[in-house]
C-alpha atoms as a PDB file:
ATOM      1  CA  MET A   1     -82.167 -25.585  26.458  1.00  0.00           C
ATOM      2  CA  SER A   2     -80.951 -21.995  26.326  1.00  0.00           C
ATOM      3  CA  SER A   3     -78.406 -22.790  29.058  1.00  0.00           C
ATOM      4  CA  ASN A   4     -77.093 -25.669  26.929  1.00  0.00           C
ATOM      5  CA  ILE A   5     -76.657 -23.314  23.985  1.00  0.00           C
ATOM      6  CA  ALA A   6     -74.825 -20.822  26.213  1.00  0.00           C
ATOM      7  CA  VAL A   7     -72.455 -23.567  27.424  1.00  0.00           C
ATOM      8  CA  ILE A   8     -71.807 -24.729  23.869  1.00  0.00           C
ATOM      9  CA  LEU A   9     -71.087 -21.163  22.728  1.00  0.00           C
ATOM     10  CA  ALA A  10     -68.757 -20.582  25.679  1.00  0.00           C
ATOM     11  CA  VAL A  11     -66.845 -23.789  24.879  1.00  0.00           C
ATOM     12  CA  LEU A  12     -66.558 -22.810  21.207  1.00  0.00           C
ATOM     13  CA  VAL A  13     -65.303 -19.319  22.041  1.00  0.00           C
ATOM     14  CA  LEU A  14     -62.757 -20.585  24.569  1.00  0.00           C
ATOM     15  CA  GLY A  15     -61.655 -23.342  22.200  1.00  0.00           C
ATOM     16  CA  GLY A  16     -61.214 -20.821  19.401  1.00  0.00           C
ATOM     17  CA  LEU A  17     -59.110 -18.572  21.623  1.00  0.00           C
ATOM     18  CA  MET A  18     -56.906 -21.486  22.643  1.00  0.00           C
ATOM     19  CA  VAL A  19     -56.348 -22.520  19.018  1.00  0.00           C
ATOM     20  CA  ARG A  20     -55.577 -18.912  18.031  1.00  0.00           C
ATOM     21  CA  ASP A  21     -53.012 -18.564  20.833  1.00  0.00           C
ATOM     22  CA  ARG A  22     -51.434 -21.905  19.937  1.00  0.00           C
ATOM     23  CA  ILE A  23     -51.082 -20.884  16.283  1.00  0.00           C
ATOM     24  CA  ARG A  24     -49.551 -17.519  17.237  1.00  0.00           C
ATOM     25  CA  SER A  25     -47.008 -19.128  19.549  1.00  0.00           C
ATOM     26  CA  SER A  26     -46.054 -21.932  17.170  1.00  0.00           C
ATOM     27  CA  PRO A  27     -42.300 -21.927  16.715  1.00  0.00           C
ATOM     28  CA  GLY A  28     -40.624 -21.743  13.353  1.00  0.00           C
ATOM     29  CA  PRO A  29     -38.601 -24.526  11.788  1.00  0.00           C
ATOM     30  CA  GLN A  30     -36.609 -26.647  14.214  1.00  0.00           C
ATOM     31  CA  LEU A  31     -33.006 -27.747  13.768  1.00  0.00           C
ATOM     32  CA  ASN A  32     -32.889 -31.439  12.886  1.00  0.00           C
ATOM     33  CA  VAL A  33     -30.295 -34.071  12.098  1.00  0.00           C
ATOM     34  CA  GLY A  34     -29.565 -33.912   8.366  1.00  0.00           C
ATOM     35  CA  ASP A  35     -30.195 -30.164   8.048  1.00  0.00           C
ATOM     36  CA  THR A  36     -27.429 -28.067   6.550  1.00  0.00           C
ATOM     37  CA  ILE A  37     -26.417 -24.836   8.247  1.00  0.00           C
ATOM     38  CA  ARG A  38     -24.804 -22.133   6.162  1.00  0.00           C
ATOM     39  CA  PRO A  39     -21.550 -20.849   7.626  1.00  0.00           C
ATOM     40  CA  LEU A  40     -21.961 -17.989  10.076  1.00  0.00           C
ATOM     41  CA  ALA A  41     -20.220 -14.695   9.296  1.00  0.00           C
ATOM     42  CA  GLY A  42     -16.475 -15.202   9.624  1.00  0.00           C
ATOM     43  CA  GLN A  43     -16.811 -18.972  10.057  1.00  0.00           C
ATOM     44  CA  LYS A  44     -16.123 -21.741   7.549  1.00  0.00           C
ATOM     45  CA  TRP A  45     -17.178 -25.247   8.488  1.00  0.00           C
ATOM     46  CA  ASN A  46     -14.661 -26.811   6.076  1.00  0.00           C
ATOM     47  CA  GLU A  47     -11.651 -25.149   7.766  1.00  0.00           C
ATOM     48  CA  TYR A  48     -12.112 -27.388  10.785  1.00  0.00           C
ATOM     49  CA  GLY A  49     -13.128 -30.902  11.576  1.00  0.00           C
ATOM     50  CA  PRO A  50     -16.523 -31.271  13.180  1.00  0.00           C
ATOM     51  CA  THR A  51     -17.885 -28.321  15.160  1.00  0.00           C
ATOM     52  CA  LEU A  52     -19.972 -28.501  18.309  1.00  0.00           C
ATOM     53  CA  LEU A  53     -22.218 -25.453  18.128  1.00  0.00           C
ATOM     54  CA  LEU A  54     -23.546 -24.267  21.496  1.00  0.00           C
ATOM     55  CA  ALA A  55     -26.494 -21.851  21.224  1.00  0.00           C
ATOM     56  CA  LEU A  56     -26.586 -19.954  24.520  1.00  0.00           C
ATOM     57  CA  ARG A  57     -28.438 -16.950  25.889  1.00  0.00           C
ATOM     58  CA  PRO A  58     -27.520 -14.749  28.838  1.00  0.00           C
ATOM     59  CA  GLY A  59     -30.185 -15.146  31.487  1.00  0.00           C
ATOM     60  CA  CYS A  60     -31.225 -18.612  30.296  1.00  0.00           C
ATOM     61  CA  PRO A  61     -31.637 -20.712  33.465  1.00  0.00           C
ATOM     62  CA  TYR A  62     -30.865 -23.987  31.666  1.00  0.00           C
ATOM     63  CA  CYS A  63     -27.717 -22.484  30.161  1.00  0.00           C
ATOM     64  CA  GLU A  64     -26.620 -21.425  33.659  1.00  0.00           C
ATOM     65  CA  LYS A  65     -27.296 -24.897  35.076  1.00  0.00           C
ATOM     66  CA  SER A  66     -25.266 -26.395  32.207  1.00  0.00           C
ATOM     67  CA  MET A  67     -22.177 -24.196  32.699  1.00  0.00           C
ATOM     68  CA  PRO A  68     -20.116 -26.786  34.617  1.00  0.00           C
ATOM     69  CA  PHE A  69     -20.435 -29.190  31.671  1.00  0.00           C
ATOM     70  CA  TYR A  70     -19.668 -26.448  29.132  1.00  0.00           C
ATOM     71  CA  ARG A  71     -16.554 -25.471  31.119  1.00  0.00           C
ATOM     72  CA  GLU A  72     -15.511 -29.130  31.090  1.00  0.00           C
ATOM     73  CA  LEU A  73     -15.925 -29.169  27.302  1.00  0.00           C
ATOM     74  CA  ALA A  74     -13.810 -26.006  27.010  1.00  0.00           C
ATOM     75  CA  HIS A  75     -11.042 -27.567  29.153  1.00  0.00           C
ATOM     76  CA  ARG A  76     -11.112 -30.724  27.051  1.00  0.00           C
ATOM     77  CA  GLU A  77     -10.880 -28.653  23.851  1.00  0.00           C
ATOM     78  CA  LYS A  78      -7.931 -26.683  25.225  1.00  0.00           C
ATOM     79  CA  ASP A  79      -6.169 -29.929  26.200  1.00  0.00           C
ATOM     80  CA  GLY A  80      -6.754 -31.438  22.747  1.00  0.00           C
ATOM     81  CA  ARG A  81      -9.124 -34.086  24.075  1.00  0.00           C
ATOM     82  CA  LEU A  82     -11.980 -33.316  21.660  1.00  0.00           C
ATOM     83  CA  THR A  83     -12.319 -34.254  18.006  1.00  0.00           C
ATOM     84  CA  ALA A  84     -14.619 -31.249  17.463  1.00  0.00           C
ATOM     85  CA  ARG A  85     -13.990 -27.557  17.921  1.00  0.00           C
ATOM     86  CA  LEU A  86     -16.393 -25.603  20.116  1.00  0.00           C
ATOM     87  CA  LEU A  87     -18.312 -22.606  18.805  1.00  0.00           C
ATOM     88  CA  ALA A  88     -20.694 -20.808  21.158  1.00  0.00           C
ATOM     89  CA  VAL A  89     -23.287 -18.635  19.447  1.00  0.00           C
ATOM     90  CA  VAL A  90     -25.265 -15.892  21.153  1.00  0.00           C
ATOM     91  CA  SER A  91     -27.760 -13.370  19.826  1.00  0.00           C
ATOM     92  CA  SER A  92     -26.314 -10.498  21.849  1.00  0.00           C
ATOM     93  CA  ASP A  93     -23.694  -8.049  20.586  1.00  0.00           C
ATOM     94  CA  GLU A  94     -19.962  -8.717  20.784  1.00  0.00           C
ATOM     95  CA  ALA A  95     -19.356  -6.800  24.022  1.00  0.00           C
ATOM     96  CA  LYS A  96     -22.148  -8.652  25.826  1.00  0.00           C
ATOM     97  CA  ALA A  97     -20.938 -11.965  24.377  1.00  0.00           C
ATOM     98  CA  ARG A  98     -17.414 -11.318  25.722  1.00  0.00           C
ATOM     99  CA  GLU A  99     -18.844 -10.334  29.105  1.00  0.00           C
ATOM    100  CA  TYR A 100     -21.009 -13.488  29.153  1.00  0.00           C
ATOM    101  CA  ALA A 101     -18.035 -15.697  28.290  1.00  0.00           C
ATOM    102  CA  ALA A 102     -15.832 -14.060  30.929  1.00  0.00           C
ATOM    103  CA  SER A 103     -18.436 -14.122  33.695  1.00  0.00           C
ATOM    104  CA  ASN A 104     -19.048 -17.824  33.065  1.00  0.00           C
ATOM    105  CA  ARG A 105     -15.355 -18.651  32.571  1.00  0.00           C
ATOM    106  CA  LEU A 106     -16.035 -20.123  29.128  1.00  0.00           C
ATOM    107  CA  ALA A 107     -12.795 -20.277  27.173  1.00  0.00           C
ATOM    108  CA  MET A 108     -14.095 -21.063  23.709  1.00  0.00           C
ATOM    109  CA  THR A 109     -14.795 -19.251  20.464  1.00  0.00           C
ATOM    110  CA  PHE A 110     -17.900 -17.071  20.604  1.00  0.00           C
ATOM    111  CA  HIS A 111     -19.939 -15.801  17.667  1.00  0.00           C
ATOM    112  CA  SER A 112     -22.120 -12.810  18.558  1.00  0.00           C
ATOM    113  CA  ASN A 113     -25.142 -11.234  16.868  1.00  0.00           C
ATOM    114  CA  THR A 114     -26.382 -14.652  15.750  1.00  0.00           C
ATOM    115  CA  ASP A 115     -29.895 -14.763  14.343  1.00  0.00           C
ATOM    116  CA  PHE A 116     -31.067 -18.035  15.866  1.00  0.00           C
ATOM    117  CA  SER A 117     -34.005 -18.282  13.455  1.00  0.00           C
ATOM    118  CA  LYS A 118     -31.597 -18.505  10.496  1.00  0.00           C
ATOM    119  CA  ILE A 119     -30.013 -21.612  11.997  1.00  0.00           C
ATOM    120  CA  LYS A 120     -33.338 -23.025  13.206  1.00  0.00           C
ATOM    121  CA  ILE A 121     -32.550 -22.634  16.901  1.00  0.00           C
ATOM    122  CA  GLN A 122     -35.818 -22.326  18.815  1.00  0.00           C
ATOM    123  CA  GLY A 123     -34.544 -22.362  22.376  1.00  0.00           C
ATOM    124  CA  THR A 124     -31.450 -22.357  24.500  1.00  0.00           C
ATOM    125  CA  PRO A 125     -29.372 -24.181  25.223  1.00  0.00           C
ATOM    126  CA  THR A 126     -29.187 -26.111  21.967  1.00  0.00           C
ATOM    127  CA  LEU A 127     -26.056 -28.048  21.037  1.00  0.00           C
ATOM    128  CA  ALA A 128     -25.486 -29.334  17.513  1.00  0.00           C
ATOM    129  CA  LEU A 129     -22.642 -31.403  16.096  1.00  0.00           C
ATOM    130  CA  ILE A 130     -21.916 -30.105  12.596  1.00  0.00           C
ATOM    131  CA  ASP A 131     -19.646 -31.757  10.038  1.00  0.00           C
ATOM    132  CA  ARG A 132     -17.201 -30.008   7.677  1.00  0.00           C
ATOM    133  CA  GLY A 133     -19.961 -29.498   5.110  1.00  0.00           C
ATOM    134  CA  GLY A 134     -22.335 -27.804   7.552  1.00  0.00           C
ATOM    135  CA  ARG A 135     -24.546 -30.900   7.924  1.00  0.00           C
ATOM    136  CA  VAL A 136     -26.091 -31.430  11.358  1.00  0.00           C
ATOM    137  CA  GLU A 137     -25.087 -34.848  12.685  1.00  0.00           C
ATOM    138  CA  ARG A 138     -26.577 -34.674  16.210  1.00  0.00           C
ATOM    139  CA  VAL A 139     -28.743 -32.265  18.211  1.00  0.00           C
ATOM    140  CA  TRP A 140     -29.180 -31.934  21.979  1.00  0.00           C
ATOM    141  CA  VAL A 141     -31.687 -29.460  23.447  1.00  0.00           C
ATOM    142  CA  GLY A 142     -32.015 -28.155  26.986  1.00  0.00           C
ATOM    143  CA  LYS A 143     -30.176 -29.056  30.164  1.00  0.00           C
ATOM    144  CA  LEU A 144     -28.571 -32.401  29.425  1.00  0.00           C
ATOM    145  CA  THR A 145     -28.905 -35.362  31.728  1.00  0.00           C
ATOM    146  CA  THR A 146     -25.783 -37.224  32.830  1.00  0.00           C
ATOM    147  CA  GLU A 147     -26.546 -39.848  30.164  1.00  0.00           C
ATOM    148  CA  GLU A 148     -26.918 -37.202  27.447  1.00  0.00           C
ATOM    149  CA  GLU A 149     -23.630 -35.569  28.483  1.00  0.00           C
ATOM    150  CA  ALA A 150     -21.943 -38.983  28.225  1.00  0.00           C
ATOM    151  CA  ASP A 151     -23.516 -39.517  24.794  1.00  0.00           C
ATOM    152  CA  LEU A 152     -22.259 -36.141  23.600  1.00  0.00           C
ATOM    153  CA  LEU A 153     -18.751 -36.885  24.866  1.00  0.00           C
ATOM    154  CA  ARG A 154     -18.771 -40.276  23.105  1.00  0.00           C
ATOM    155  CA  ASN A 155     -19.358 -38.357  19.878  1.00  0.00           C
ATOM    156  CA  ILE A 156     -16.525 -35.844  20.279  1.00  0.00           C
ATOM    157  CA  ALA A 157     -13.963 -37.083  22.857  1.00  0.00           C
ATOM    158  CA  ARG A 158     -10.554 -38.450  21.896  1.00  0.00           C
END
């Protein structure tokens, strides 16, 4: 009987620790379709048509694996084949953001020093299609599959 009580206590303690760790690691609010994002410093959503926001982070393995697609998007934007402008946001300072863009050959507008929590970005990469009023129309998270890339292009290609 005492061994049963010891097992029950051990399970309760371990269960309590797991719940505590889960609560501590719970992410904040997540970006969802229908949310409104306030303009970032120096940016005005209403000056452009839709904006495809790309939340990236140097050292993010999924961002690195996604670079060929992001470069394709940048080429399409340059050639006028997108209905949305591209805006990459990074949490690093401006110098590191420029270095990141150059090293990855990403020719698009970058916004540095972005506080991801203020725009409900929990992880990178996160892509969000934002209308002229700052309303989130679509969200894609992580390394996109071929089907997800095609879906994104259907939403912004000319």
